[in-house]
N, C-alpha and C. Protein backbone atom coordinates (compact mmCIF):
# COMPACT_ATOMS: atom_id res chain seq x y z
N UNK A 1 74.39 123.47 101.19
CA UNK A 1 75.35 123.72 102.28
C UNK A 1 76.64 122.30 102.16
N UNK A 2 77.54 123.07 102.49
CA UNK A 2 78.74 122.34 102.43
C UNK A 2 79.16 122.19 103.79
N UNK A 3 79.32 120.52 103.72
CA UNK A 3 79.50 120.16 105.52
C UNK A 3 81.42 120.28 105.58
N UNK A 4 81.77 119.80 106.50
CA UNK A 4 83.05 120.00 107.15
C UNK A 4 84.01 119.11 105.98
N UNK A 5 83.65 117.68 106.20
CA UNK A 5 84.45 117.00 105.34
C UNK A 5 84.74 117.21 103.74
N UNK A 6 83.35 117.38 103.34
CA UNK A 6 83.55 118.24 101.79
C UNK A 6 84.21 119.20 101.70
N UNK A 7 84.40 120.63 102.59
CA UNK A 7 85.22 121.30 102.82
C UNK A 7 86.36 120.95 102.56
N UNK A 8 86.83 120.11 103.34
CA UNK A 8 88.39 119.68 103.69
C UNK A 8 88.74 119.07 102.29
N UNK A 9 87.84 118.15 101.79
CA UNK A 9 88.06 117.73 100.44
C UNK A 9 88.75 118.52 99.45
N UNK A 10 87.87 120.05 99.01
CA UNK A 10 87.89 120.93 98.47
C UNK A 10 89.48 121.66 98.50
N UNK A 11 89.70 121.74 99.77
CA UNK A 11 91.08 122.10 100.26
C UNK A 11 92.22 121.24 100.41
N UNK A 12 91.81 119.94 100.26
CA UNK A 12 92.75 118.91 99.62
C UNK A 12 93.16 118.70 98.27
N UNK A 13 91.90 118.75 97.45
CA UNK A 13 92.38 118.94 95.91
C UNK A 13 92.86 119.93 95.30
N UNK A 14 92.44 121.31 96.24
CA UNK A 14 92.84 122.55 95.52
C UNK A 14 94.41 122.44 94.77
N UNK A 15 95.14 122.40 95.47
CA UNK A 15 96.60 122.43 95.17
C UNK A 15 96.57 121.78 93.78
N UNK A 16 95.97 120.65 93.31
CA UNK A 16 96.03 119.73 92.02
C UNK A 16 95.54 120.51 91.24
N UNK A 17 94.33 121.40 91.31
CA UNK A 17 93.70 122.34 90.34
C UNK A 17 94.23 123.19 89.74
N UNK A 18 95.15 123.44 90.31
CA UNK A 18 95.99 124.90 89.34
C UNK A 18 95.13 126.17 89.53
N UNK A 19 95.60 127.01 88.23
CA UNK A 19 94.98 128.08 87.97
C UNK A 19 94.52 128.48 86.73
N UNK A 20 94.11 129.60 86.05
CA UNK A 20 94.03 129.69 84.66
C UNK A 20 95.18 130.38 84.55
N UNK A 21 95.86 130.17 83.57
CA UNK A 21 97.08 131.01 82.92
C UNK A 21 96.92 132.56 82.87
N UNK A 22 95.79 132.73 81.86
CA UNK A 22 95.46 134.32 81.54
C UNK A 22 95.06 135.05 82.49
N UNK A 23 94.24 134.73 83.49
CA UNK A 23 93.48 135.42 84.46
C UNK A 23 93.90 135.39 86.05
N UNK A 24 94.13 134.15 85.89
CA UNK A 24 95.05 133.75 87.39
C UNK A 24 93.76 133.59 88.33
N UNK A 25 92.52 133.24 87.86
CA UNK A 25 91.58 132.79 88.78
C UNK A 25 91.52 131.42 89.04
N UNK A 26 91.30 130.71 90.30
CA UNK A 26 91.00 129.75 90.50
C UNK A 26 89.70 128.88 89.80
N UNK A 27 89.87 127.76 89.54
CA UNK A 27 88.86 127.09 88.74
C UNK A 27 87.99 126.66 89.81
N UNK A 28 86.72 126.72 89.77
CA UNK A 28 85.84 126.35 90.56
C UNK A 28 85.39 124.69 90.78
N UNK A 29 85.66 124.29 92.02
CA UNK A 29 85.84 122.81 92.55
C UNK A 29 84.16 122.35 92.72
N UNK A 30 83.71 121.67 92.28
CA UNK A 30 82.71 120.88 92.87
C UNK A 30 82.41 119.53 92.66
N UNK A 31 81.50 118.94 92.96
CA UNK A 31 81.29 117.54 93.53
C UNK A 31 81.54 116.58 92.07
N UNK A 32 81.17 117.20 90.97
CA UNK A 32 81.11 116.68 89.50
C UNK A 32 82.25 117.04 88.98
N UNK A 33 83.61 117.54 89.72
CA UNK A 33 84.78 117.87 89.02
C UNK A 33 85.49 116.53 88.55
N UNK A 34 86.01 116.11 87.55
CA UNK A 34 86.65 115.16 87.33
C UNK A 34 88.08 115.34 87.23
N UNK A 35 88.87 114.37 88.04
CA UNK A 35 89.91 114.68 87.70
C UNK A 35 90.69 114.19 86.43
N UNK A 36 90.20 113.72 85.64
CA UNK A 36 90.78 113.62 84.40
C UNK A 36 90.08 114.67 83.09
N UNK A 37 88.90 114.56 83.07
CA UNK A 37 88.33 115.36 82.06
C UNK A 37 88.50 117.28 82.50
N UNK A 38 88.11 117.19 83.88
CA UNK A 38 88.19 118.80 84.14
C UNK A 38 89.19 119.34 84.72
N UNK A 39 90.16 118.63 85.50
CA UNK A 39 91.39 119.21 85.98
C UNK A 39 92.74 118.56 85.34
N UNK A 40 92.62 117.63 84.08
CA UNK A 40 93.42 117.30 83.07
C UNK A 40 94.85 116.52 84.02
N UNK A 41 94.38 116.04 84.80
CA UNK A 41 95.69 114.95 85.61
C UNK A 41 95.95 114.01 85.09
N UNK A 42 97.18 113.84 85.37
CA UNK A 42 97.79 112.66 84.90
C UNK A 42 97.99 111.79 85.98
N UNK A 43 97.97 110.07 85.55
CA UNK A 43 98.19 109.15 86.47
C UNK A 43 98.64 108.81 87.34
N UNK A 44 99.94 109.35 87.28
CA UNK A 44 101.00 109.81 88.59
C UNK A 44 100.58 110.72 89.60
N UNK A 45 99.87 112.09 88.84
CA UNK A 45 99.20 112.79 89.88
C UNK A 45 98.54 112.28 90.85
N UNK A 46 97.25 111.44 89.90
CA UNK A 46 96.43 111.42 90.84
C UNK A 46 96.66 109.90 91.42
N UNK A 47 97.64 109.53 91.29
CA UNK A 47 98.10 108.55 92.11
C UNK A 47 98.51 108.82 93.31
N UNK A 48 99.14 110.05 93.43
CA UNK A 48 99.86 110.56 94.54
C UNK A 48 98.66 110.91 95.45
N UNK A 49 97.54 111.60 94.68
CA UNK A 49 96.57 112.59 95.45
C UNK A 49 96.01 111.42 96.22
N UNK A 50 95.48 110.17 95.49
CA UNK A 50 94.74 109.03 96.24
C UNK A 50 95.60 108.86 97.47
N UNK A 51 96.66 108.16 96.88
CA UNK A 51 97.52 107.78 98.22
C UNK A 51 97.58 108.33 99.37
N UNK A 52 97.63 110.18 99.08
CA UNK A 52 97.67 111.09 100.15
C UNK A 52 96.24 111.02 101.11
N UNK A 53 95.07 110.88 99.84
CA UNK A 53 93.74 110.75 100.42
C UNK A 53 93.31 109.79 101.25
N UNK A 54 93.61 108.45 101.15
CA UNK A 54 93.60 107.35 102.02
C UNK A 54 94.43 107.68 103.03
N UNK A 55 95.47 108.22 103.32
CA UNK A 55 96.14 108.26 104.76
C UNK A 55 95.48 109.72 105.50
N UNK A 56 95.25 110.54 104.75
CA UNK A 56 94.80 112.00 105.63
C UNK A 56 93.71 111.73 105.90
N UNK A 57 92.71 111.23 104.88
CA UNK A 57 91.10 111.07 105.72
C UNK A 57 90.72 109.67 106.37
N UNK A 58 92.11 108.94 106.21
CA UNK A 58 91.76 107.66 107.01
C UNK A 58 90.77 106.71 106.55
N UNK A 59 90.60 106.38 104.87
CA UNK A 59 89.74 105.85 104.32
C UNK A 59 90.50 104.25 103.91
N UNK A 60 89.47 103.32 104.15
CA UNK A 60 90.04 102.00 103.59
C UNK A 60 90.26 101.92 101.78
N UNK A 61 91.24 101.65 101.84
CA UNK A 61 91.60 101.49 99.92
C UNK A 61 91.08 100.79 99.29
N UNK A 62 90.23 99.59 100.23
CA UNK A 62 89.58 98.47 99.57
C UNK A 62 90.29 97.91 97.94
N UNK A 63 89.17 97.79 96.99
CA UNK A 63 89.74 97.64 95.62
C UNK A 63 90.03 98.65 94.84
N UNK A 64 90.34 99.65 95.24
CA UNK A 64 90.88 100.82 94.23
C UNK A 64 91.94 100.46 93.64
N UNK A 65 91.85 100.66 92.40
CA UNK A 65 92.85 100.90 91.35
C UNK A 65 93.00 101.74 90.68
N UNK A 66 94.03 102.39 90.46
CA UNK A 66 94.27 103.62 89.31
C UNK A 66 93.95 103.19 87.96
N UNK A 67 94.24 101.93 87.60
CA UNK A 67 94.07 101.50 86.41
C UNK A 67 92.39 101.59 85.82
N UNK A 68 91.38 101.57 86.89
CA UNK A 68 90.39 101.59 86.51
C UNK A 68 89.72 103.12 86.18
N UNK A 69 90.53 103.93 86.55
CA UNK A 69 90.43 105.47 85.92
C UNK A 69 91.25 105.86 84.77
N UNK A 70 92.46 105.25 84.87
CA UNK A 70 93.14 105.35 84.08
C UNK A 70 94.10 104.27 83.21
N UNK A 71 93.46 103.66 82.27
CA UNK A 71 94.08 102.64 82.01
C UNK A 71 95.10 102.81 81.41
N UNK A 72 95.93 101.43 81.10
CA UNK A 72 97.11 101.49 80.65
C UNK A 72 96.91 101.43 78.71
N UNK A 73 97.32 102.51 77.90
CA UNK A 73 96.64 102.23 76.46
C UNK A 73 98.00 102.09 75.55
N UNK A 74 98.15 101.03 75.05
CA UNK A 74 99.57 100.72 74.52
C UNK A 74 100.14 101.78 73.58
N UNK A 75 101.57 102.27 73.42
CA UNK A 75 101.80 103.29 72.43
C UNK A 75 102.50 102.44 71.14
N UNK A 76 102.05 103.39 69.98
CA UNK A 76 102.59 102.76 68.94
C UNK A 76 103.66 103.98 67.88
N UNK A 77 104.31 103.54 67.24
CA UNK A 77 105.00 104.48 66.57
C UNK A 77 104.62 104.75 65.23
N UNK A 78 103.64 103.80 64.99
CA UNK A 78 102.66 104.13 63.46
C UNK A 78 101.90 105.21 63.98
N UNK A 79 102.30 106.54 63.01
CA UNK A 79 101.31 107.36 62.91
C UNK A 79 100.00 107.21 62.27
N UNK A 80 99.95 106.21 61.89
CA UNK A 80 98.66 106.30 60.56
C UNK A 80 97.71 105.05 61.48
N UNK A 81 98.53 104.48 62.79
CA UNK A 81 97.83 103.33 63.67
C UNK A 81 96.57 104.42 64.73
N UNK A 82 95.50 104.45 64.39
CA UNK A 82 94.81 105.29 65.56
C UNK A 82 94.37 104.18 66.38
N UNK A 83 94.55 104.84 67.83
CA UNK A 83 94.03 103.47 68.78
C UNK A 83 92.55 104.20 69.42
N UNK A 84 91.83 103.46 69.28
CA UNK A 84 90.36 103.33 69.91
C UNK A 84 90.54 104.26 71.31
N UNK A 85 89.66 105.51 71.76
CA UNK A 85 89.59 105.59 73.10
C UNK A 85 88.93 104.49 73.93
N UNK A 86 89.79 104.80 75.25
CA UNK A 86 89.25 103.39 75.78
C UNK A 86 88.06 104.12 77.09
N UNK A 87 86.51 103.59 77.19
CA UNK A 87 85.76 104.09 77.88
C UNK A 87 86.38 103.96 79.45
N UNK A 88 86.23 104.82 80.20
CA UNK A 88 86.37 104.69 81.60
C UNK A 88 85.83 105.42 82.69
N UNK A 89 85.11 104.70 84.03
CA UNK A 89 84.24 105.76 84.54
C UNK A 89 84.63 106.98 85.07
N UNK A 90 83.58 108.06 85.23
CA UNK A 90 83.77 108.93 85.95
C UNK A 90 84.65 108.86 87.07
N UNK A 91 85.50 109.88 87.65
CA UNK A 91 86.49 109.79 88.84
C UNK A 91 86.13 111.13 89.33
N UNK A 92 85.26 111.45 90.22
CA UNK A 92 84.97 113.00 90.50
C UNK A 92 85.27 113.06 92.14
N UNK A 93 85.35 114.36 92.41
CA UNK A 93 85.69 114.54 93.61
C UNK A 93 84.41 114.51 94.83
N UNK A 94 83.36 114.15 93.91
CA UNK A 94 82.24 113.89 95.13
C UNK A 94 82.22 112.60 95.20
N UNK A 95 83.08 111.77 94.51
CA UNK A 95 83.52 110.27 95.01
C UNK A 95 84.50 110.23 96.03
N UNK A 96 85.45 111.36 96.09
CA UNK A 96 86.38 111.34 97.61
C UNK A 96 85.52 111.71 98.44
N UNK A 97 84.38 112.49 98.65
CA UNK A 97 83.71 112.92 99.46
C UNK A 97 82.63 111.75 100.16
N UNK A 98 82.06 111.08 99.29
CA UNK A 98 81.59 110.13 99.98
C UNK A 98 82.36 108.94 100.47
N UNK A 99 83.16 108.56 100.44
CA UNK A 99 84.08 107.72 100.21
C UNK A 99 84.84 108.05 101.83
N UNK A 100 85.27 109.27 101.94
CA UNK A 100 85.63 110.02 103.24
C UNK A 100 84.45 109.84 104.09
N UNK A 101 83.41 110.36 103.82
CA UNK A 101 82.17 110.15 105.02
C UNK A 101 81.62 108.64 105.46
N UNK A 102 82.19 107.63 104.34
CA UNK A 102 81.59 106.45 104.62
C UNK A 102 83.04 105.59 105.23
N UNK A 103 84.17 106.39 105.08
CA UNK A 103 85.58 105.67 105.81
C UNK A 103 86.12 104.62 105.02
N UNK A 104 85.65 104.23 103.62
CA UNK A 104 86.02 103.34 102.91
C UNK A 104 85.79 103.64 101.35
N UNK A 105 86.47 103.17 100.66
CA UNK A 105 86.28 103.35 98.88
C UNK A 105 85.04 103.10 98.68
N UNK A 106 84.24 103.43 98.20
CA UNK A 106 82.94 103.00 97.57
C UNK A 106 82.77 102.68 96.31
N UNK A 107 83.60 102.54 95.42
CA UNK A 107 83.81 102.72 94.08
C UNK A 107 84.55 101.46 93.70
N UNK A 108 84.29 100.61 92.30
CA UNK A 108 85.20 99.61 91.87
C UNK A 108 85.65 100.08 90.27
């Protein structure tokens, strides 16, 4: 069962989720939907989303830092130099739901 806060979070995130190009079908959003790997959102988009989230749902930002989930990766003009992927924690809709229920950002 989806409670009111959870439904409001899905509606809040929906404009950022886009649609599938070929069949114009909305992507199914779940608690496990990840902003980076599933929605392919850039750090600037997520930063805007999170600023709106904290204000809209009256959630204390606490120690939230976008760099935790979208770390800065140095750019190299050298095409032969491969950069190692930086491991990052999951960043999901479920995290927004639980934080909205608690009234503060629960993750560091």
